Protein backbone atom coordinates (compact mmCIF):
# COMPACT_ATOMS: atom_id res chain seq x y z
CA MET A 1 -166.31 83.93 -35.13
CA ARG A 2 -166.50 83.50 -31.37
CA SER A 3 -163.89 83.01 -28.66
CA PHE A 4 -163.47 81.51 -25.22
CA GLU A 5 -160.70 82.25 -22.75
CA ILE A 6 -159.93 81.88 -19.07
CA LYS A 7 -157.83 84.78 -17.84
CA THR A 8 -157.77 84.00 -14.12
CA LYS A 9 -155.29 81.52 -12.67
CA VAL A 10 -157.07 79.46 -10.01
CA PHE A 11 -155.37 78.03 -6.92
CA PHE A 12 -157.43 75.47 -4.99
CA GLY A 13 -157.28 72.52 -2.63
CA ASP A 14 -155.54 72.08 0.72
CA GLN A 15 -153.43 75.03 1.88
CA ALA A 16 -154.40 77.06 -1.17
CA LEU A 17 -153.91 80.25 0.85
CA ASP A 18 -150.18 79.53 1.02
CA ARG A 19 -150.14 81.06 -2.46
CA LEU A 20 -150.16 84.47 -0.73
CA ALA A 21 -146.61 83.87 0.48
CA GLU A 22 -145.51 83.35 -3.14
CA ILE A 23 -147.25 86.22 -4.94
CA PRO A 24 -144.94 88.41 -7.07
CA TYR A 25 -146.05 91.59 -5.29
CA ASN A 26 -144.63 93.38 -2.25
CA LYS A 27 -147.20 96.06 -1.38
CA VAL A 28 -150.68 94.69 -0.75
CA LEU A 29 -154.02 96.39 -0.12
CA ILE A 30 -156.54 93.94 1.36
CA ILE A 31 -160.16 94.85 0.70
CA THR A 32 -162.74 93.24 2.97
CA ASP A 33 -165.70 93.88 5.28
CA PRO A 34 -165.61 94.72 9.00
CA PHE A 35 -166.85 91.28 10.07
CA MET A 36 -164.16 89.42 8.13
CA ALA A 37 -161.44 91.85 9.29
CA GLN A 38 -162.28 91.02 12.92
CA SER A 39 -162.67 87.29 12.37
CA SER A 40 -160.00 84.82 13.48
CA MET A 41 -160.17 83.39 9.95
CA PHE A 42 -158.63 86.60 8.66
CA ASN A 43 -155.31 85.35 10.04
CA LEU A 44 -155.39 82.66 7.35
CA VAL A 45 -154.95 85.52 4.87
CA THR A 46 -152.54 87.76 6.75
CA ASP A 47 -150.22 85.06 8.15
CA PRO A 48 -148.81 84.01 4.75
CA LEU A 49 -148.22 87.69 3.89
CA LYS A 50 -146.38 88.22 7.17
CA ARG A 51 -144.26 85.08 6.63
CA ALA A 52 -143.17 86.42 3.27
CA ASN A 53 -142.51 89.93 4.66
CA LYS A 54 -145.12 91.51 2.43
CA GLU A 55 -146.18 95.04 3.31
CA PHE A 56 -149.96 95.34 3.60
CA GLU A 57 -152.78 97.60 4.69
CA ILE A 58 -156.49 96.86 5.08
CA PHE A 59 -159.53 98.68 3.69
CA LYS A 60 -162.45 97.18 5.62
CA ASP A 61 -165.40 99.39 4.69
CA VAL A 62 -167.07 96.97 2.27
CA VAL A 63 -170.85 96.68 2.74
CA PRO A 64 -173.46 94.50 0.97
CA ASP A 65 -174.57 95.73 -2.46
CA PRO A 66 -171.55 98.08 -2.64
CA PRO A 67 -172.77 101.66 -3.07
CA ILE A 68 -170.96 104.24 -5.15
CA GLU A 69 -169.95 106.18 -2.01
CA LYS A 70 -168.02 103.23 -0.55
CA ILE A 71 -166.32 102.60 -3.90
CA SER A 72 -165.16 106.23 -3.86
CA GLU A 73 -163.67 105.77 -0.38
CA GLY A 74 -161.79 102.69 -1.62
CA VAL A 75 -160.47 104.60 -4.63
CA LYS A 76 -159.14 107.31 -2.31
CA LYS A 77 -157.44 104.69 -0.11
CA MET A 78 -155.84 102.96 -3.09
CA LEU A 79 -154.46 106.20 -4.55
CA GLU A 80 -153.04 107.19 -1.16
CA TYR A 81 -151.38 103.81 -0.53
CA LYS A 82 -150.50 102.92 -4.15
CA PRO A 83 -150.33 99.12 -3.75
CA ASP A 84 -148.90 96.66 -6.29
CA VAL A 85 -151.91 94.38 -5.85
CA LEU A 86 -155.41 94.36 -4.37
CA VAL A 87 -156.43 91.24 -2.45
CA ALA A 88 -160.20 90.93 -2.15
CA VAL A 89 -161.36 88.80 0.77
CA GLY A 90 -165.07 88.17 1.18
CA GLY A 91 -168.23 87.47 -0.75
CA GLY A 92 -169.36 89.04 -3.99
CA SER A 93 -169.57 92.51 -2.44
CA ALA A 94 -165.88 92.54 -1.45
CA ILE A 95 -164.75 91.17 -4.81
CA ASP A 96 -166.99 93.50 -6.82
CA SER A 97 -165.82 96.44 -4.70
CA SER A 98 -162.18 95.55 -5.40
CA LYS A 99 -162.80 95.30 -9.12
CA SER A 100 -164.51 98.68 -9.20
CA ILE A 101 -161.95 100.36 -6.94
CA ARG A 102 -159.03 99.22 -9.11
CA GLU A 103 -160.81 100.18 -12.33
CA PHE A 104 -161.77 103.70 -11.23
CA ALA A 105 -158.55 104.45 -9.33
CA LEU A 106 -156.38 103.62 -12.33
CA ARG A 107 -158.56 105.77 -14.55
CA VAL A 108 -157.94 108.70 -12.21
CA GLU A 109 -154.21 107.98 -11.83
CA PRO A 110 -152.71 105.12 -13.88
CA TYR A 111 -149.62 104.92 -11.68
CA ALA A 112 -148.79 101.24 -12.41
CA GLU A 113 -150.13 97.85 -13.49
CA VAL A 114 -151.94 96.73 -10.33
CA GLY A 115 -152.80 93.07 -9.81
CA LEU A 116 -156.06 91.73 -8.40
CA ILE A 117 -156.34 88.53 -6.37
CA ALA A 118 -159.80 87.36 -5.32
CA ILE A 119 -160.34 85.12 -2.30
CA PRO A 120 -164.04 84.25 -1.96
CA THR A 121 -165.42 83.45 1.50
CA THR A 122 -168.81 82.32 0.18
CA SER A 123 -169.55 79.75 -2.51
CA GLY A 124 -171.90 81.75 -4.66
CA THR A 125 -171.07 84.65 -6.91
CA GLY A 126 -168.22 83.27 -9.03
CA SER A 127 -167.03 86.88 -9.12
CA GLU A 128 -163.44 85.71 -8.60
CA VAL A 129 -163.24 84.70 -12.28
CA THR A 130 -165.62 87.07 -14.06
CA SER A 131 -165.40 90.39 -15.86
CA PHE A 132 -168.57 91.61 -14.14
CA ALA A 133 -169.15 93.77 -11.08
CA VAL A 134 -172.32 95.27 -9.65
CA VAL A 135 -172.47 98.63 -7.86
CA SER A 136 -175.51 100.24 -6.28
CA ASP A 137 -177.02 103.69 -6.17
CA PRO A 138 -179.18 103.63 -3.01
CA LYS A 139 -180.75 107.00 -3.78
CA GLU A 140 -182.05 105.81 -7.13
CA LYS A 141 -182.69 102.25 -5.83
CA MET A 142 -180.75 100.90 -8.80
CA LYS A 143 -178.02 98.32 -9.35
CA TYR A 144 -175.60 98.87 -12.21
CA PRO A 145 -173.77 95.89 -13.71
CA LEU A 146 -170.27 96.83 -14.94
CA VAL A 147 -168.71 94.71 -17.69
CA SER A 148 -165.08 94.96 -18.77
CA GLU A 149 -162.29 92.44 -19.31
CA HIS A 150 -160.14 94.74 -17.14
CA LEU A 151 -162.34 93.83 -14.15
CA THR A 152 -161.33 90.17 -14.28
CA PRO A 153 -159.08 89.13 -11.37
CA ASP A 154 -155.60 87.89 -12.24
CA GLU A 155 -155.73 85.13 -9.63
CA ALA A 156 -158.38 83.39 -7.55
CA ILE A 157 -157.66 81.40 -4.39
CA LEU A 158 -160.30 78.84 -3.41
CA ASP A 159 -159.84 77.54 0.13
CA ALA A 160 -162.72 75.74 1.86
CA GLU A 161 -161.36 76.72 5.29
CA LEU A 162 -162.79 80.20 4.71
CA VAL A 163 -166.36 78.97 4.14
CA LYS A 164 -166.74 76.47 6.99
CA SER A 165 -168.26 79.07 9.30
CA VAL A 166 -170.75 80.43 6.77
CA PRO A 167 -174.21 80.02 8.39
CA PRO A 168 -176.84 77.73 6.80
CA ALA A 169 -179.04 80.57 5.49
CA ILE A 170 -176.16 82.14 3.57
CA THR A 171 -175.00 78.71 2.37
CA ALA A 172 -178.51 78.22 0.96
CA ASP A 173 -178.72 81.63 -0.71
CA THR A 174 -175.25 81.51 -2.23
CA GLY A 175 -175.62 77.88 -3.27
CA MET A 176 -178.79 78.64 -5.19
CA ASP A 177 -176.97 81.59 -6.74
CA VAL A 178 -174.40 79.10 -8.07
CA PHE A 179 -177.18 76.93 -9.48
CA THR A 180 -178.90 79.93 -11.10
CA HIS A 181 -175.64 81.10 -12.68
CA ALA A 182 -175.06 77.66 -14.16
CA LEU A 183 -178.65 77.18 -15.33
CA GLU A 184 -178.87 80.59 -16.99
CA ALA A 185 -175.51 79.98 -18.71
CA CYS A 186 -176.89 76.66 -19.98
CA VAL A 187 -179.88 78.26 -21.71
CA SER A 188 -178.30 81.60 -22.66
CA THR A 189 -178.44 82.59 -26.32
CA ASN A 190 -174.67 83.09 -26.08
CA ARG A 191 -173.86 79.60 -24.75
CA SER A 192 -171.29 77.34 -26.40
CA ASP A 193 -169.88 73.84 -25.99
CA PHE A 194 -167.22 75.30 -23.70
CA THR A 195 -169.62 77.16 -21.41
CA ASN A 196 -172.05 74.22 -21.38
CA ALA A 197 -169.32 71.89 -20.16
CA LEU A 198 -168.50 74.20 -17.24
CA ALA A 199 -172.13 74.99 -16.37
CA GLU A 200 -173.28 71.37 -16.52
CA LYS A 201 -170.48 70.27 -14.18
CA ALA A 202 -171.45 73.03 -11.74
CA ILE A 203 -175.08 71.82 -11.85
CA GLU A 204 -174.01 68.23 -11.23
CA ILE A 205 -172.01 69.31 -8.17
CA CYS A 206 -174.93 71.39 -6.82
CA GLY A 207 -177.24 68.40 -7.17
CA VAL A 208 -174.97 66.24 -5.02
CA PHE A 209 -173.35 68.63 -2.56
CA LEU A 210 -175.48 71.77 -1.97
CA LEU A 211 -177.87 70.18 0.51
CA ARG A 212 -174.94 68.43 2.21
CA ALA A 213 -173.12 71.72 2.70
CA TYR A 214 -176.32 73.31 4.02
CA LEU A 215 -177.02 70.52 6.53
CA ASP A 216 -173.44 70.25 7.80
CA GLY A 217 -171.19 73.28 7.48
CA ASN A 218 -168.21 71.24 8.68
CA ASP A 219 -168.52 68.83 5.76
CA THR A 220 -165.25 70.00 4.23
CA HIS A 221 -165.62 67.86 1.11
CA ALA A 222 -169.05 69.32 0.33
CA ARG A 223 -167.78 72.84 1.06
CA GLN A 224 -164.81 72.42 -1.31
CA LYS A 225 -167.06 70.99 -4.01
CA MET A 226 -169.49 73.93 -3.78
CA HIS A 227 -166.53 76.32 -3.86
CA SER A 228 -165.45 74.66 -7.12
CA ALA A 229 -169.00 74.73 -8.49
CA SER A 230 -169.23 78.47 -7.84
CA CYS A 231 -166.02 79.06 -9.77
CA LEU A 232 -167.06 76.77 -12.66
CA ALA A 233 -170.41 78.55 -12.96
CA GLY A 234 -168.59 81.89 -12.92
CA LEU A 235 -166.34 80.78 -15.77
CA ALA A 236 -169.43 79.68 -17.70
CA PHE A 237 -171.50 82.83 -17.38
CA ASN A 238 -168.47 85.09 -17.82
CA THR A 239 -168.63 84.11 -21.50
CA ALA A 240 -172.24 82.97 -21.95
CA SER A 241 -173.75 85.75 -19.80
CA LEU A 242 -176.99 85.21 -17.87
CA GLY A 243 -180.66 85.99 -18.44
CA LEU A 244 -183.96 87.41 -17.20
CA ASN A 245 -183.66 85.70 -13.81
CA HIS A 246 -180.74 87.95 -12.92
CA GLY A 247 -182.31 90.95 -14.63
CA MET A 248 -185.33 90.66 -12.34
CA ALA A 249 -183.37 89.66 -9.23
CA HIS A 250 -181.19 92.76 -9.45
CA GLN A 251 -184.30 94.91 -9.06
CA LEU A 252 -185.56 92.97 -6.02
CA GLY A 253 -182.18 93.48 -4.40
CA ALA A 254 -181.95 97.18 -5.23
CA THR A 255 -185.53 97.97 -4.19
CA PHE A 256 -186.13 95.69 -1.21
CA HIS A 257 -182.60 94.58 -0.21
CA ILE A 258 -183.44 90.90 -0.71
CA PRO A 259 -180.12 88.99 -0.74
CA HIS A 260 -179.11 88.39 -4.35
CA GLY A 261 -178.94 84.59 -4.21
CA ARG A 262 -182.28 84.40 -2.43
CA ALA A 263 -183.94 86.65 -5.02
CA ASN A 264 -182.55 84.44 -7.79
CA ALA A 265 -183.79 81.28 -6.08
CA MET A 266 -187.31 82.62 -5.53
CA LEU A 267 -187.63 83.72 -9.16
CA LEU A 268 -186.16 80.58 -10.70
CA PRO A 269 -189.33 78.38 -10.91
CA HIS A 270 -191.21 81.23 -12.62
CA ILE A 271 -188.37 81.88 -15.09
CA ILE A 272 -188.06 78.21 -16.07
CA GLU A 273 -191.79 78.07 -16.77
CA PHE A 274 -191.65 81.29 -18.80
CA ASN A 275 -188.59 80.33 -20.86
CA SER A 276 -189.98 76.89 -21.65
CA ASP A 277 -193.61 78.04 -22.05
CA ILE A 278 -194.52 74.89 -20.14
CA ASN A 279 -196.59 74.99 -16.98
CA LYS A 280 -199.00 72.80 -15.08
CA HIS A 281 -201.77 73.55 -17.58
CA SER A 282 -199.75 72.51 -20.65
CA LYS A 283 -200.77 69.70 -22.98
CA SER A 284 -198.41 67.77 -25.23
CA GLN A 285 -196.95 69.98 -27.94
CA LYS A 286 -195.42 69.09 -31.28
CA GLU A 287 -192.84 71.84 -31.01
CA TYR A 288 -191.14 73.34 -27.98
CA LEU A 289 -189.15 76.47 -27.39
CA PRO A 290 -185.34 76.02 -27.66
CA ALA A 291 -184.80 76.25 -23.90
CA VAL A 292 -186.85 73.11 -23.30
CA LYS A 293 -184.15 70.81 -24.64
CA ARG A 294 -181.52 72.50 -22.47
CA TYR A 295 -183.71 72.31 -19.36
CA ALA A 296 -184.32 68.62 -20.12
CA THR A 297 -180.55 68.05 -20.22
CA VAL A 298 -180.19 69.76 -16.84
CA ALA A 299 -182.99 67.63 -15.40
CA GLN A 300 -181.23 64.47 -16.58
CA ILE A 301 -177.95 65.63 -15.00
CA LEU A 302 -179.85 65.95 -11.71
CA GLY A 303 -181.32 62.45 -12.16
CA LEU A 304 -184.88 63.70 -12.59
CA SER A 305 -187.82 62.24 -14.52
CA SER A 306 -187.66 62.27 -18.30
CA TYR A 307 -191.01 60.59 -19.14
CA ASN A 308 -191.77 63.35 -21.64
CA LYS A 309 -190.66 66.94 -22.20
CA ILE A 310 -193.45 68.47 -20.13
CA MET A 311 -192.78 66.14 -17.21
CA THR A 312 -189.05 66.75 -17.48
CA VAL A 313 -189.35 70.53 -17.22
CA ARG A 314 -191.98 70.20 -14.47
CA SER A 315 -189.63 67.91 -12.55
CA LEU A 316 -186.90 70.56 -12.76
CA VAL A 317 -189.28 73.23 -11.41
CA ASN A 318 -190.35 70.83 -8.64
CA TRP A 319 -186.70 70.10 -7.77
CA VAL A 320 -185.97 73.84 -7.40
CA GLN A 321 -189.05 74.27 -5.19
CA PHE A 322 -188.01 71.23 -3.13
CA MET A 323 -184.54 72.72 -2.57
CA LEU A 324 -186.05 76.04 -1.48
CA LYS A 325 -188.31 74.31 1.04
CA GLU A 326 -185.52 72.09 2.38
CA MET A 327 -183.27 75.10 2.91
CA ASP A 328 -185.95 77.42 4.35
CA ILE A 329 -185.88 79.85 1.42
CA PRO A 330 -189.28 81.56 0.96
CA LEU A 331 -191.14 80.66 -2.21
CA SER A 332 -192.90 84.03 -2.36
CA ILE A 333 -192.47 87.64 -1.28
CA SER A 334 -195.52 87.43 0.99
CA GLN A 335 -193.98 84.43 2.77
CA MET A 336 -191.04 86.62 3.77
CA GLY A 337 -193.29 88.77 5.94
CA THR A 338 -191.06 91.85 5.70
CA ILE A 339 -192.57 93.67 2.70
CA SER A 340 -196.13 95.00 2.49
CA LYS A 341 -198.32 94.07 -0.46
CA GLU A 342 -198.94 97.74 -1.30
CA GLU A 343 -195.22 98.57 -1.21
CA TYR A 344 -194.37 95.60 -3.41
CA PHE A 345 -197.05 96.08 -6.05
CA ASN A 346 -196.34 99.83 -6.26
CA ALA A 347 -192.74 98.98 -7.24
CA ILE A 348 -193.54 96.37 -9.89
CA ASP A 349 -193.93 98.71 -12.86
CA ARG A 350 -190.59 100.43 -12.25
CA MET A 351 -188.83 97.12 -11.50
CA ALA A 352 -190.17 95.65 -14.76
CA ASP A 353 -188.75 98.53 -16.80
CA ALA A 354 -185.38 98.20 -15.08
CA ALA A 355 -185.32 94.41 -15.52
CA LEU A 356 -185.90 94.74 -19.27
CA ALA A 357 -183.06 97.29 -19.47
CA ASP A 358 -180.69 95.14 -17.38
CA ALA A 359 -177.68 93.88 -19.35
CA CYS A 360 -178.25 90.29 -18.19
CA THR A 361 -181.70 90.12 -19.81
CA ALA A 362 -180.28 90.51 -23.32
CA THR A 363 -179.17 86.85 -23.55
CA ASN A 364 -182.36 85.31 -22.14
CA PRO A 365 -183.56 82.44 -24.41
CA ARG A 366 -187.08 83.90 -24.70
CA VAL A 367 -187.56 87.61 -25.32
CA PRO A 368 -189.87 88.98 -22.60
CA THR A 369 -192.35 91.83 -22.89
CA LYS A 370 -193.02 94.23 -20.06
CA GLU A 371 -196.35 92.47 -19.51
CA ASP A 372 -194.51 89.13 -19.11
CA VAL A 373 -192.17 90.59 -16.48
CA VAL A 374 -194.99 92.31 -14.61
CA LYS A 375 -196.93 89.02 -14.46
CA MET A 376 -193.92 87.16 -13.06
CA TYR A 377 -193.36 89.79 -10.38
CA GLN A 378 -197.06 89.52 -9.51
CA LYS A 379 -196.88 85.71 -9.32
CA LEU A 380 -193.88 86.02 -7.03
CA TRP A 381 -196.05 87.77 -4.43
């Protein structure tokens, strides 16, 4: 027997942030990053709290790929202030930090039931509705995915006003993160009719609106749609989980600090080819791996060629590569120009071991060997 549930209540649309004036909490700890705390947009969050006479303080020490040390500082702040609710404002790092801070603080001192409200300022991670968080150990160059239903936010507020100023490069990276979340949920061994419905809708929205949001940040309709797609994909992979793409991307982020969405995007063509066992040298086959049918469905949702199964999967790979080129995302590590060949290849063996051990890899539709993962890392160069 299996189950599907949505724990998080989602507020969206025009003036969604007005929800903050109505929350059933009086003592608020806002968790964000220094840039957001200084931004004029931050007033969109604090003004409703002030109108409702809510008491609040701000912890603004969130950094990308939240390290254990920063989580510890947040735990200390929470236990000193003892809020009724944490309000996470930012991208995946702020939301993941908030999840981890609440979880660890209440293990140290379970002083009350503390709420968690997530307000994403990028359209990418879907973390506002998931039971996952990722913390980093910079010394070990490792990322550790945490999984617990207690990490899931109680509420999510999706307001496109907060993402209008996101620069094109981050719009591209986070948008491809949304697409990767949805695609991996679609082919996951733990997928279901419920997760497929959510993931396929997210893919449809990405196909129509991602490039629009990238080309014109002030296209509010496209921004709102991508915000919704991010949330839908999060709901999908929260139950279906992900796959090898994320398992390998986590290591690129931990080792070389490649932004997570960008690492996912760069790996995606290689992962599709591996999971389908179809590449440019393939001939017609009588039988195909299970993922091929799912990739074909995705290709059809995107309006791509469906002449035969090989062409359909190839068209999906070509579409991903087209999107990367259009949005100036490198197709290879060497194209980035920031990592030496020696440094990269010396890290491959260790990254391959870590990718195989990553929790996301467990639900990949094709079971990889270490040799498979090493070859994909090498191809990525």
